[in-house]
Amino acid sequence: MRVLVTSARPYEKTFLDCANQNRHQIQYLESALDQNTAPLAAGFPAVSCFVDDVLNATVLKTLAKGGTRLLALRSTGFNHVDLDSAQKLHITVMRVQDYSPYSVAEFSLGLMLMLNRHLHKAYNRVREENFLLDGLMGFDMHGKTVGIVGTGKIGFSVAKILNGMGCSLLGHDLWENPQCLALGMNYVDLDTLLSQSQITTLHLPLTPQTYHLINATTLQKMPDCAILINTSRGALIDTRALIEALKAKRLGGAGLDVYEEETGLYFKNFSDEIITDDLFSRLLTFPNVIVTGHQAFFTREAMETIAATTIQNLSDFEIGKTNINIVGPISPE
């Protein structure tokens, strides 16, 4: 089957080619998929997309007109896809339901430690031959309460790490995870979790119900010294409200691997340009904010799984086989 891989980075090609073993005819496109590039997919029954591709009704209509019947997402989240339009156009949507939960969990811990122990400041200070410890004091995570919002596979992986460090665990989710309960996690409502946690970390999908879950009201519930971590989806946090909370010194820090307006910004090099997003630029000015470019997933093991699952999705679709990764209807054509 002919497949167009959009938003293709050089490092992805190696993993996809290795997993493909010449089963499918893959063509790579470095550009993101949007209204302008969608016509390039004409003649491709399948298009493999990433999180920064635009998959709205307009783009999907162009894809359908060109003969595309499958969107093979190289991501777990699918909030960037207009699923209603995909269904009407008989375009099947498949995702990578699971890859490495450890990749995101371990990165989340890294952000916690960096903010708590000021590792980013210490690194820069020593490179300037400044060995003073002033302003670098952190706290023992052992014995502290950490709130985990979203206790699926990634949330549970975070919980296991923190449990091993001697942290007290609070959880919030629609369903209580028995594995988390076995670790001693106490499930509470969101307000209680936010108000009692020294660190709150987000590990849940973006849905209409979770959009701006962290907002001006919920931020008020957090202690002044609290650290907020987000390695899930940017729009879980109201950025404007977060900035106001940081300006008012109502947070100890924020570690953000995602940003609600990251499409068109992340996975690109703007080092010689001016970023016109004022909210994003403002975030970068806070000394107690760490921003990374959506890299929490980025480990060799995760990339191998993403590539293998994407190729398997393509193969299953080609023979009309269903699997757990389908989030849209199998095309009847």
C-alpha atoms as a PDB file:
ATOM      1  CA  MET A   1       0.000   0.000   0.000  1.00  0.00           C
ATOM      2  CA  ARG A   2       1.214   3.497  -0.824  1.00  0.00           C
ATOM      3  CA  VAL A   3       1.701   5.582   2.312  1.00  0.00           C
ATOM      4  CA  LEU A   4       2.555   9.252   2.729  1.00  0.00           C
ATOM      5  CA  VAL A   5       4.290   9.978   6.031  1.00  0.00           C
ATOM      6  CA  THR A   6       3.882  13.655   6.915  1.00  0.00           C
ATOM      7  CA  SER A   7       5.864  15.681   9.460  1.00  0.00           C
ATOM      8  CA  ALA A   8       8.610  13.121   8.868  1.00  0.00           C
ATOM      9  CA  ARG A   9      11.818  13.727  10.793  1.00  0.00           C
ATOM     10  CA  PRO A  10      15.095  12.073   9.793  1.00  0.00           C
ATOM     11  CA  TYR A  11      15.194   9.993  12.984  1.00  0.00           C
ATOM     12  CA  GLU A  12      11.708   8.598  12.272  1.00  0.00           C
ATOM     13  CA  LYS A  13      12.663   7.310   8.832  1.00  0.00           C
ATOM     14  CA  THR A  14      15.200   4.901  10.296  1.00  0.00           C
ATOM     15  CA  PHE A  15      12.681   3.325  12.656  1.00  0.00           C
ATOM     16  CA  LEU A  16       9.837   3.196  10.114  1.00  0.00           C
ATOM     17  CA  ASP A  17      12.004   1.704   7.382  1.00  0.00           C
ATOM     18  CA  CYS A  18      13.299  -0.926   9.799  1.00  0.00           C
ATOM     19  CA  ALA A  19       9.762  -1.862  10.880  1.00  0.00           C
ATOM     20  CA  ASN A  20       8.371  -1.765   7.349  1.00  0.00           C
ATOM     21  CA  GLN A  21      10.736  -4.276   5.733  1.00  0.00           C
ATOM     22  CA  ASN A  22       9.465  -3.147   2.305  1.00  0.00           C
ATOM     23  CA  ARG A  23       5.882  -4.207   3.067  1.00  0.00           C
ATOM     24  CA  HIS A  24       4.490  -0.807   2.112  1.00  0.00           C
ATOM     25  CA  GLN A  25       5.585   1.865  -0.330  1.00  0.00           C
ATOM     26  CA  ILE A  26       6.445   4.745   1.976  1.00  0.00           C
ATOM     27  CA  GLN A  27       7.058   8.292   0.824  1.00  0.00           C
ATOM     28  CA  TYR A  28       8.245  10.830   3.362  1.00  0.00           C
ATOM     29  CA  LEU A  29       7.190  14.477   3.545  1.00  0.00           C
ATOM     30  CA  GLU A  30       9.018  16.712   6.021  1.00  0.00           C
ATOM     31  CA  SER A  31       6.276  19.343   5.921  1.00  0.00           C
ATOM     32  CA  ALA A  32       3.317  19.156   8.270  1.00  0.00           C
ATOM     33  CA  LEU A  33      -0.059  18.244   6.845  1.00  0.00           C
ATOM     34  CA  ASP A  34      -2.379  21.221   6.517  1.00  0.00           C
ATOM     35  CA  GLN A  35      -4.705  22.847   4.020  1.00  0.00           C
ATOM     36  CA  ASN A  36      -1.789  23.783   1.744  1.00  0.00           C
ATOM     37  CA  THR A  37       0.008  20.425   1.757  1.00  0.00           C
ATOM     38  CA  ALA A  38      -3.032  18.115   1.783  1.00  0.00           C
ATOM     39  CA  PRO A  39      -3.222  17.974  -2.063  1.00  0.00           C
ATOM     40  CA  LEU A  40       0.207  16.279  -2.018  1.00  0.00           C
ATOM     41  CA  ALA A  41      -1.496  13.200  -0.542  1.00  0.00           C
ATOM     42  CA  ALA A  42      -3.540  12.597  -3.698  1.00  0.00           C
ATOM     43  CA  GLY A  43      -3.153   8.984  -4.775  1.00  0.00           C
ATOM     44  CA  PHE A  44      -2.096   7.738  -1.343  1.00  0.00           C
ATOM     45  CA  PRO A  45      -4.648   5.366   0.250  1.00  0.00           C
ATOM     46  CA  ALA A  46      -2.965   5.943   3.630  1.00  0.00           C
ATOM     47  CA  VAL A  47      -1.441   8.984   5.288  1.00  0.00           C
ATOM     48  CA  SER A  48       0.586   8.650   8.488  1.00  0.00           C
ATOM     49  CA  CYS A  49       0.358  11.792  10.623  1.00  0.00           C
ATOM     50  CA  PHE A  50       1.925  13.232  13.747  1.00  0.00           C
ATOM     51  CA  VAL A  51       0.604  15.496  16.513  1.00  0.00           C
ATOM     52  CA  ASP A  52       1.527  18.726  14.736  1.00  0.00           C
ATOM     53  CA  ASP A  53      -0.456  17.879  11.596  1.00  0.00           C
ATOM     54  CA  VAL A  54      -3.734  19.717  11.026  1.00  0.00           C
ATOM     55  CA  LEU A  55      -6.559  17.232  10.529  1.00  0.00           C
ATOM     56  CA  ASN A  56      -9.676  19.391  10.426  1.00  0.00           C
ATOM     57  CA  ALA A  57     -12.708  19.027   8.169  1.00  0.00           C
ATOM     58  CA  THR A  58     -11.139  21.012   5.321  1.00  0.00           C
ATOM     59  CA  VAL A  59      -7.974  18.935   5.253  1.00  0.00           C
ATOM     60  CA  LEU A  60      -9.887  15.662   5.564  1.00  0.00           C
ATOM     61  CA  LYS A  61     -12.140  16.563   2.629  1.00  0.00           C
ATOM     62  CA  THR A  62      -9.060  17.158   0.491  1.00  0.00           C
ATOM     63  CA  LEU A  63      -7.569  13.841   1.593  1.00  0.00           C
ATOM     64  CA  ALA A  64     -10.782  11.961   0.859  1.00  0.00           C
ATOM     65  CA  LYS A  65     -11.059  13.571  -2.563  1.00  0.00           C
ATOM     66  CA  GLY A  66      -7.531  12.366  -3.318  1.00  0.00           C
ATOM     67  CA  GLY A  67      -8.354   8.785  -2.367  1.00  0.00           C
ATOM     68  CA  THR A  68      -7.071   8.605   1.210  1.00  0.00           C
ATOM     69  CA  ARG A  69      -8.986   6.082   3.314  1.00  0.00           C
ATOM     70  CA  LEU A  70      -6.716   5.711   6.331  1.00  0.00           C
ATOM     71  CA  LEU A  71      -5.085   8.084   8.789  1.00  0.00           C
ATOM     72  CA  ALA A  72      -2.376   6.151  10.612  1.00  0.00           C
ATOM     73  CA  LEU A  73      -1.490   8.380  13.547  1.00  0.00           C
ATOM     74  CA  ARG A  74       1.998   8.083  14.995  1.00  0.00           C
ATOM     75  CA  SER A  75       0.693   9.162  18.385  1.00  0.00           C
ATOM     76  CA  THR A  76      -1.587   8.007  21.173  1.00  0.00           C
ATOM     77  CA  GLY A  77      -3.647  11.190  21.327  1.00  0.00           C
ATOM     78  CA  PHE A  78      -6.126  11.962  18.572  1.00  0.00           C
ATOM     79  CA  ASN A  79      -7.606  15.245  19.772  1.00  0.00           C
ATOM     80  CA  HIS A  80      -6.178  16.962  16.663  1.00  0.00           C
ATOM     81  CA  VAL A  81      -8.415  14.857  14.379  1.00  0.00           C
ATOM     82  CA  ASP A  82     -11.967  15.832  13.415  1.00  0.00           C
ATOM     83  CA  LEU A  83     -13.379  12.359  13.990  1.00  0.00           C
ATOM     84  CA  ASP A  84     -16.913  13.319  12.949  1.00  0.00           C
ATOM     85  CA  SER A  85     -15.678  14.493   9.563  1.00  0.00           C
ATOM     86  CA  ALA A  86     -13.502  11.404   9.201  1.00  0.00           C
ATOM     87  CA  GLN A  87     -16.506   9.165   9.783  1.00  0.00           C
ATOM     88  CA  LYS A  88     -18.659  11.039   7.274  1.00  0.00           C
ATOM     89  CA  LEU A  89     -15.871  10.804   4.694  1.00  0.00           C
ATOM     90  CA  HIS A  90     -15.320   7.063   5.381  1.00  0.00           C
ATOM     91  CA  ILE A  91     -11.753   7.661   6.541  1.00  0.00           C
ATOM     92  CA  THR A  92     -10.529   5.190   9.144  1.00  0.00           C
ATOM     93  CA  VAL A  93      -8.398   6.607  11.958  1.00  0.00           C
ATOM     94  CA  MET A  94      -5.888   4.399  13.732  1.00  0.00           C
ATOM     95  CA  ARG A  95      -3.446   5.382  16.459  1.00  0.00           C
ATOM     96  CA  VAL A  96      -0.623   3.975  18.556  1.00  0.00           C
ATOM     97  CA  GLN A  97      -2.602   3.097  21.642  1.00  0.00           C
ATOM     98  CA  ASP A  98       0.449   2.212  23.717  1.00  0.00           C
ATOM     99  CA  TYR A  99       4.169   2.696  23.371  1.00  0.00           C
ATOM    100  CA  SER A 100       6.546   3.114  26.304  1.00  0.00           C
ATOM    101  CA  PRO A 101       4.829   4.511  29.396  1.00  0.00           C
ATOM    102  CA  TYR A 102       8.251   4.608  31.021  1.00  0.00           C
ATOM    103  CA  SER A 103       9.538   7.222  28.584  1.00  0.00           C
ATOM    104  CA  VAL A 104       6.966   9.823  29.651  1.00  0.00           C
ATOM    105  CA  ALA A 105       7.012   8.773  33.299  1.00  0.00           C
ATOM    106  CA  GLU A 106      10.786   9.073  33.613  1.00  0.00           C
ATOM    107  CA  PHE A 107      10.814  12.412  31.798  1.00  0.00           C
ATOM    108  CA  SER A 108       8.134  13.702  34.166  1.00  0.00           C
ATOM    109  CA  LEU A 109      10.322  12.761  37.113  1.00  0.00           C
ATOM    110  CA  GLY A 110      13.212  14.571  35.427  1.00  0.00           C
ATOM    111  CA  LEU A 111      11.189  17.772  35.274  1.00  0.00           C
ATOM    112  CA  MET A 112      10.240  17.396  38.943  1.00  0.00           C
ATOM    113  CA  LEU A 113      13.861  16.975  39.996  1.00  0.00           C
ATOM    114  CA  MET A 114      15.092  19.775  37.775  1.00  0.00           C
ATOM    115  CA  LEU A 115      12.616  22.262  39.220  1.00  0.00           C
ATOM    116  CA  ASN A 116      12.985  21.090  42.804  1.00  0.00           C
ATOM    117  CA  ARG A 117      16.793  20.983  42.845  1.00  0.00           C
ATOM    118  CA  HIS A 118      17.317  23.836  40.347  1.00  0.00           C
ATOM    119  CA  LEU A 119      19.515  21.652  38.152  1.00  0.00           C
ATOM    120  CA  HIS A 120      19.145  23.934  35.126  1.00  0.00           C
ATOM    121  CA  LYS A 121      20.434  26.889  37.145  1.00  0.00           C
ATOM    122  CA  ALA A 122      23.254  24.864  38.689  1.00  0.00           C
ATOM    123  CA  TYR A 123      24.421  23.653  35.275  1.00  0.00           C
ATOM    124  CA  ASN A 124      24.612  27.170  33.854  1.00  0.00           C
ATOM    125  CA  ARG A 125      26.170  28.586  37.025  1.00  0.00           C
ATOM    126  CA  VAL A 126      29.059  26.114  37.105  1.00  0.00           C
ATOM    127  CA  ARG A 127      29.773  26.664  33.408  1.00  0.00           C
ATOM    128  CA  GLU A 128      30.328  30.302  34.357  1.00  0.00           C
ATOM    129  CA  GLU A 129      32.704  29.124  37.110  1.00  0.00           C
ATOM    130  CA  ASN A 130      30.265  30.180  39.814  1.00  0.00           C
ATOM    131  CA  PHE A 131      30.123  27.532  42.545  1.00  0.00           C
ATOM    132  CA  LEU A 132      27.883  29.359  45.038  1.00  0.00           C
ATOM    133  CA  LEU A 133      24.875  27.403  46.303  1.00  0.00           C
ATOM    134  CA  ASP A 134      22.714  30.437  47.004  1.00  0.00           C
ATOM    135  CA  GLY A 135      19.231  29.967  45.534  1.00  0.00           C
ATOM    136  CA  LEU A 136      19.719  26.283  44.751  1.00  0.00           C
ATOM    137  CA  MET A 137      18.107  24.751  47.837  1.00  0.00           C
ATOM    138  CA  GLY A 138      15.398  22.182  47.163  1.00  0.00           C
ATOM    139  CA  PHE A 139      13.440  19.737  49.306  1.00  0.00           C
ATOM    140  CA  ASP A 140      13.501  15.998  49.936  1.00  0.00           C
ATOM    141  CA  MET A 141      10.869  14.337  47.783  1.00  0.00           C
ATOM    142  CA  HIS A 142      10.799  11.486  50.274  1.00  0.00           C
ATOM    143  CA  GLY A 143       7.736  11.939  52.439  1.00  0.00           C
ATOM    144  CA  LYS A 144       6.151  14.588  50.206  1.00  0.00           C
ATOM    145  CA  THR A 145       2.689  14.264  48.691  1.00  0.00           C
ATOM    146  CA  VAL A 146       2.461  14.015  44.908  1.00  0.00           C
ATOM    147  CA  GLY A 147      -0.854  14.228  43.101  1.00  0.00           C
ATOM    148  CA  ILE A 148      -1.226  12.220  39.885  1.00  0.00           C
ATOM    149  CA  VAL A 149      -4.101  13.329  37.679  1.00  0.00           C
ATOM    150  CA  GLY A 150      -4.784  10.471  35.294  1.00  0.00           C
ATOM    151  CA  THR A 151      -3.722   7.050  36.551  1.00  0.00           C
ATOM    152  CA  GLY A 152      -3.572   4.942  33.408  1.00  0.00           C
ATOM    153  CA  LYS A 153      -0.393   3.220  32.242  1.00  0.00           C
ATOM    154  CA  ILE A 154       1.735   6.372  32.314  1.00  0.00           C
ATOM    155  CA  GLY A 155       0.248   7.603  35.576  1.00  0.00           C
ATOM    156  CA  PHE A 156       0.848   4.211  37.150  1.00  0.00           C
ATOM    157  CA  SER A 157       4.462   4.209  35.931  1.00  0.00           C
ATOM    158  CA  VAL A 158       4.945   7.611  37.564  1.00  0.00           C
ATOM    159  CA  ALA A 159       3.334   6.303  40.738  1.00  0.00           C
ATOM    160  CA  LYS A 160       5.709   3.327  40.896  1.00  0.00           C
ATOM    161  CA  ILE A 161       8.758   5.566  40.624  1.00  0.00           C
ATOM    162  CA  LEU A 162       7.490   8.003  43.247  1.00  0.00           C
ATOM    163  CA  ASN A 163       6.429   5.192  45.550  1.00  0.00           C
ATOM    164  CA  GLY A 164       9.991   3.911  45.426  1.00  0.00           C
ATOM    165  CA  MET A 165      11.197   7.364  46.463  1.00  0.00           C
ATOM    166  CA  GLY A 166       8.969   7.303  49.526  1.00  0.00           C
ATOM    167  CA  CYS A 167       6.360   9.796  48.318  1.00  0.00           C
ATOM    168  CA  SER A 168       2.760   9.808  49.486  1.00  0.00           C
ATOM    169  CA  LEU A 169       0.467   9.389  46.483  1.00  0.00           C
ATOM    170  CA  LEU A 170      -2.865  11.013  45.711  1.00  0.00           C
ATOM    171  CA  GLY A 171      -4.755  10.107  42.554  1.00  0.00           C
ATOM    172  CA  HIS A 172      -7.631  11.520  40.561  1.00  0.00           C
ATOM    173  CA  ASP A 173      -9.312   9.673  37.706  1.00  0.00           C
ATOM    174  CA  LEU A 174     -12.711   8.514  36.507  1.00  0.00           C
ATOM    175  CA  TRP A 175     -11.673   4.963  37.374  1.00  0.00           C
ATOM    176  CA  GLU A 176      -9.472   3.789  40.216  1.00  0.00           C
ATOM    177  CA  ASN A 177      -6.518   1.741  39.004  1.00  0.00           C
ATOM    178  CA  PRO A 178      -6.112  -1.381  41.186  1.00  0.00           C
ATOM    179  CA  GLN A 179      -2.341  -1.281  40.564  1.00  0.00           C
ATOM    180  CA  CYS A 180      -2.203   2.241  41.958  1.00  0.00           C
ATOM    181  CA  LEU A 181      -4.336   1.265  44.929  1.00  0.00           C
ATOM    182  CA  ALA A 182      -1.876  -1.552  45.629  1.00  0.00           C
ATOM    183  CA  LEU A 183       0.866   1.064  45.913  1.00  0.00           C
ATOM    184  CA  GLY A 184      -1.127   2.838  48.606  1.00  0.00           C
ATOM    185  CA  MET A 185      -2.501   5.613  46.404  1.00  0.00           C
ATOM    186  CA  ASN A 186      -5.461   7.462  47.867  1.00  0.00           C
ATOM    187  CA  TYR A 187      -8.033   8.572  45.297  1.00  0.00           C
ATOM    188  CA  VAL A 188      -9.574  11.972  45.976  1.00  0.00           C
ATOM    189  CA  ASP A 189     -11.455  14.712  44.127  1.00  0.00           C
ATOM    190  CA  LEU A 190      -9.412  17.181  42.090  1.00  0.00           C
ATOM    191  CA  ASP A 191      -9.708  20.052  44.560  1.00  0.00           C
ATOM    192  CA  THR A 192      -8.398  17.899  47.397  1.00  0.00           C
ATOM    193  CA  LEU A 193      -5.536  16.598  45.287  1.00  0.00           C
ATOM    194  CA  LEU A 194      -4.457  20.074  44.226  1.00  0.00           C
ATOM    195  CA  SER A 195      -4.681  21.537  47.711  1.00  0.00           C
ATOM    196  CA  GLN A 196      -2.716  18.730  49.401  1.00  0.00           C
ATOM    197  CA  SER A 197       0.018  18.029  46.831  1.00  0.00           C
ATOM    198  CA  GLN A 198       3.490  19.566  46.805  1.00  0.00           C
ATOM    199  CA  ILE A 199       3.765  18.315  43.216  1.00  0.00           C
ATOM    200  CA  THR A 200       0.903  17.772  40.762  1.00  0.00           C
ATOM    201  CA  THR A 201       1.567  15.908  37.524  1.00  0.00           C
ATOM    202  CA  LEU A 202      -0.892  15.529  34.630  1.00  0.00           C
ATOM    203  CA  HIS A 203      -1.254  12.253  32.712  1.00  0.00           C
ATOM    204  CA  LEU A 204      -4.623  12.283  31.016  1.00  0.00           C
ATOM    205  CA  PRO A 205      -5.932  12.789  27.467  1.00  0.00           C
ATOM    206  CA  LEU A 206      -7.312  16.039  26.113  1.00  0.00           C
ATOM    207  CA  THR A 207     -11.094  15.886  25.795  1.00  0.00           C
ATOM    208  CA  PRO A 208     -13.848  18.512  26.007  1.00  0.00           C
ATOM    209  CA  GLN A 209     -14.119  17.571  29.687  1.00  0.00           C
ATOM    210  CA  THR A 210     -10.391  17.992  30.433  1.00  0.00           C
ATOM    211  CA  TYR A 211      -9.812  21.148  28.358  1.00  0.00           C
ATOM    212  CA  HIS A 212      -8.307  23.787  30.687  1.00  0.00           C
ATOM    213  CA  LEU A 213      -8.704  21.450  33.643  1.00  0.00           C
ATOM    214  CA  ILE A 214      -6.017  23.570  35.270  1.00  0.00           C
ATOM    215  CA  ASN A 215      -7.390  27.103  35.192  1.00  0.00           C
ATOM    216  CA  ALA A 216      -7.612  30.237  37.316  1.00  0.00           C
ATOM    217  CA  THR A 217      -9.960  28.535  39.771  1.00  0.00           C
ATOM    218  CA  THR A 218      -8.072  25.264  40.156  1.00  0.00           C
ATOM    219  CA  LEU A 219      -4.703  27.009  40.334  1.00  0.00           C
ATOM    220  CA  GLN A 220      -5.983  28.862  43.392  1.00  0.00           C
ATOM    221  CA  LYS A 221      -6.330  25.509  45.148  1.00  0.00           C
ATOM    222  CA  MET A 222      -2.590  24.743  44.896  1.00  0.00           C
ATOM    223  CA  PRO A 223      -0.127  25.665  47.684  1.00  0.00           C
ATOM    224  CA  ASP A 224       2.199  28.583  46.946  1.00  0.00           C
ATOM    225  CA  CYS A 225       5.225  26.277  46.802  1.00  0.00           C
ATOM    226  CA  ALA A 226       3.608  23.647  44.575  1.00  0.00           C
ATOM    227  CA  ILE A 227       5.169  22.368  41.363  1.00  0.00           C
ATOM    228  CA  LEU A 228       2.987  21.630  38.323  1.00  0.00           C
ATOM    229  CA  ILE A 229       4.101  19.130  35.657  1.00  0.00           C
ATOM    230  CA  ASN A 230       2.450  18.582  32.276  1.00  0.00           C
ATOM    231  CA  THR A 231       3.736  15.963  29.829  1.00  0.00           C
ATOM    232  CA  SER A 232       0.310  15.116  28.373  1.00  0.00           C
ATOM    233  CA  ARG A 233      -1.445  17.753  26.253  1.00  0.00           C
ATOM    234  CA  GLY A 234      -0.892  21.493  26.418  1.00  0.00           C
ATOM    235  CA  ALA A 235      -4.539  22.508  26.511  1.00  0.00           C
ATOM    236  CA  LEU A 236      -5.051  20.764  29.838  1.00  0.00           C
ATOM    237  CA  ILE A 237      -3.671  24.028  31.240  1.00  0.00           C
ATOM    238  CA  ASP A 238      -5.037  27.519  30.644  1.00  0.00           C
ATOM    239  CA  THR A 239      -1.754  29.240  29.797  1.00  0.00           C
ATOM    240  CA  ARG A 240      -3.001  32.735  30.573  1.00  0.00           C
ATOM    241  CA  ALA A 241      -4.158  31.619  34.012  1.00  0.00           C
ATOM    242  CA  LEU A 242      -0.849  29.858  34.620  1.00  0.00           C
ATOM    243  CA  ILE A 243       1.093  32.991  33.746  1.00  0.00           C
ATOM    244  CA  GLU A 244      -0.999  35.058  36.146  1.00  0.00           C
ATOM    245  CA  ALA A 245      -0.410  32.511  38.919  1.00  0.00           C
ATOM    246  CA  LEU A 246       3.339  32.584  38.252  1.00  0.00           C
ATOM    247  CA  LYS A 247       3.398  36.390  38.236  1.00  0.00           C
ATOM    248  CA  ALA A 248       1.575  36.395  41.564  1.00  0.00           C
ATOM    249  CA  LYS A 249       4.180  33.959  42.932  1.00  0.00           C
ATOM    250  CA  ARG A 250       1.487  31.403  43.745  1.00  0.00           C
ATOM    251  CA  LEU A 251       3.453  28.468  42.341  1.00  0.00           C
ATOM    252  CA  GLY A 252       6.833  27.016  43.127  1.00  0.00           C
ATOM    253  CA  GLY A 253       7.365  26.136  39.486  1.00  0.00           C
ATOM    254  CA  ALA A 254       6.024  24.552  36.324  1.00  0.00           C
ATOM    255  CA  GLY A 255       7.533  21.890  34.067  1.00  0.00           C
ATOM    256  CA  LEU A 256       5.886  21.926  30.654  1.00  0.00           C
ATOM    257  CA  ASP A 257       6.761  19.519  27.848  1.00  0.00           C
ATOM    258  CA  VAL A 258       3.604  20.540  25.977  1.00  0.00           C
ATOM    259  CA  TYR A 259       1.918  23.835  25.175  1.00  0.00           C
ATOM    260  CA  GLU A 260      -1.643  24.463  24.077  1.00  0.00           C
ATOM    261  CA  GLU A 261      -0.635  26.428  20.958  1.00  0.00           C
ATOM    262  CA  GLU A 262       2.365  24.276  20.055  1.00  0.00           C
ATOM    263  CA  THR A 263       1.084  23.370  16.563  1.00  0.00           C
ATOM    264  CA  GLY A 264       3.232  25.225  14.070  1.00  0.00           C
ATOM    265  CA  LEU A 265       5.825  25.955  16.747  1.00  0.00           C
ATOM    266  CA  TYR A 266       7.188  22.686  18.099  1.00  0.00           C
ATOM    267  CA  PHE A 267       9.367  20.309  16.048  1.00  0.00           C
ATOM    268  CA  LYS A 268      10.789  23.263  14.126  1.00  0.00           C
ATOM    269  CA  ASN A 269      13.887  25.455  14.418  1.00  0.00           C
ATOM    270  CA  PHE A 270      13.136  29.116  15.146  1.00  0.00           C
ATOM    271  CA  SER A 271      16.611  29.981  16.431  1.00  0.00           C
ATOM    272  CA  ASP A 272      17.112  32.588  13.710  1.00  0.00           C
ATOM    273  CA  GLU A 273      13.566  33.935  13.827  1.00  0.00           C
ATOM    274  CA  ILE A 274      11.322  35.837  16.197  1.00  0.00           C
ATOM    275  CA  ILE A 275       8.580  33.867  17.919  1.00  0.00           C
ATOM    276  CA  THR A 276       5.397  35.925  17.709  1.00  0.00           C
ATOM    277  CA  ASP A 277       3.459  33.967  20.343  1.00  0.00           C
ATOM    278  CA  ASP A 278       3.543  36.387  23.269  1.00  0.00           C
ATOM    279  CA  LEU A 279       2.185  33.884  25.793  1.00  0.00           C
ATOM    280  CA  PHE A 280       4.857  31.332  24.960  1.00  0.00           C
ATOM    281  CA  SER A 281       7.567  33.991  25.077  1.00  0.00           C
ATOM    282  CA  ARG A 282       6.304  35.113  28.483  1.00  0.00           C
ATOM    283  CA  LEU A 283       6.526  31.570  29.837  1.00  0.00           C
ATOM    284  CA  LEU A 284      10.199  31.453  28.908  1.00  0.00           C
ATOM    285  CA  THR A 285      10.952  34.475  31.085  1.00  0.00           C
ATOM    286  CA  PHE A 286      10.110  32.806  34.401  1.00  0.00           C
ATOM    287  CA  PRO A 287      13.122  31.399  36.267  1.00  0.00           C
ATOM    288  CA  ASN A 288      10.944  28.693  37.836  1.00  0.00           C
ATOM    289  CA  VAL A 289       9.491  27.388  34.557  1.00  0.00           C
ATOM    290  CA  ILE A 290      11.067  24.634  32.458  1.00  0.00           C
ATOM    291  CA  VAL A 291       9.744  24.342  28.904  1.00  0.00           C
ATOM    292  CA  THR A 292      10.757  21.469  26.629  1.00  0.00           C
ATOM    293  CA  GLY A 293       9.633  20.753  23.083  1.00  0.00           C
ATOM    294  CA  HIS A 294       7.282  17.766  23.426  1.00  0.00           C
ATOM    295  CA  GLN A 295      10.085  15.263  23.890  1.00  0.00           C
ATOM    296  CA  ALA A 296       8.861  13.190  26.831  1.00  0.00           C
ATOM    297  CA  PHE A 297       8.001  10.288  24.521  1.00  0.00           C
ATOM    298  CA  PHE A 298      11.361  10.430  22.739  1.00  0.00           C
ATOM    299  CA  THR A 299      13.291   7.282  23.635  1.00  0.00           C
ATOM    300  CA  ARG A 300      14.611   4.532  21.380  1.00  0.00           C
ATOM    301  CA  GLU A 301      12.206   2.013  22.866  1.00  0.00           C
ATOM    302  CA  ALA A 302       9.213   4.292  22.318  1.00  0.00           C
ATOM    303  CA  MET A 303      10.208   5.056  18.730  1.00  0.00           C
ATOM    304  CA  GLU A 304      10.603   1.353  17.956  1.00  0.00           C
ATOM    305  CA  THR A 305       7.125   0.630  19.284  1.00  0.00           C
ATOM    306  CA  ILE A 306       5.530   3.594  17.507  1.00  0.00           C
ATOM    307  CA  ALA A 307       7.069   2.511  14.195  1.00  0.00           C
ATOM    308  CA  ALA A 308       6.149  -1.161  14.603  1.00  0.00           C
ATOM    309  CA  THR A 309       2.571  -0.332  15.596  1.00  0.00           C
ATOM    310  CA  THR A 310       2.150   2.123  12.724  1.00  0.00           C
ATOM    311  CA  ILE A 311       3.306  -0.471  10.187  1.00  0.00           C
ATOM    312  CA  GLN A 312       1.045  -3.109  11.748  1.00  0.00           C
ATOM    313  CA  ASN A 313      -1.893  -0.704  11.551  1.00  0.00           C
ATOM    314  CA  LEU A 314      -1.207  -0.180   7.847  1.00  0.00           C
ATOM    315  CA  SER A 315      -1.013  -3.916   7.234  1.00  0.00           C
ATOM    316  CA  ASP A 316      -4.178  -4.675   9.207  1.00  0.00           C
ATOM    317  CA  PHE A 317      -6.121  -2.001   7.367  1.00  0.00           C
ATOM    318  CA  GLU A 318      -4.899  -3.286   4.013  1.00  0.00           C
ATOM    319  CA  ILE A 319      -6.440  -6.725   4.658  1.00  0.00           C
ATOM    320  CA  GLY A 320      -9.540  -5.367   6.412  1.00  0.00           C
ATOM    321  CA  LYS A 321      -8.518  -6.565   9.875  1.00  0.00           C
ATOM    322  CA  THR A 322      -9.632  -4.642  12.945  1.00  0.00           C
ATOM    323  CA  ASN A 323      -7.446  -4.028  15.987  1.00  0.00           C
ATOM    324  CA  ILE A 324      -7.458  -2.092  19.238  1.00  0.00           C
ATOM    325  CA  ASN A 325      -5.878   0.980  17.629  1.00  0.00           C
ATOM    326  CA  ILE A 326      -8.939   1.956  15.579  1.00  0.00           C
ATOM    327  CA  VAL A 327     -10.618   5.172  16.697  1.00  0.00           C
ATOM    328  CA  GLY A 328     -12.710   5.605  13.549  1.00  0.00           C
ATOM    329  CA  PRO A 329     -14.775   3.331  11.314  1.00  0.00           C
ATOM    330  CA  ILE A 330     -13.271   0.864   8.873  1.00  0.00           C
ATOM    331  CA  SER A 331     -13.932   2.250   5.414  1.00  0.00           C
ATOM    332  CA  PRO A 332     -16.667   0.242   3.678  1.00  0.00           C
ATOM    333  CA  GLU A 333     -15.056   0.834   0.312  1.00  0.00           C
END
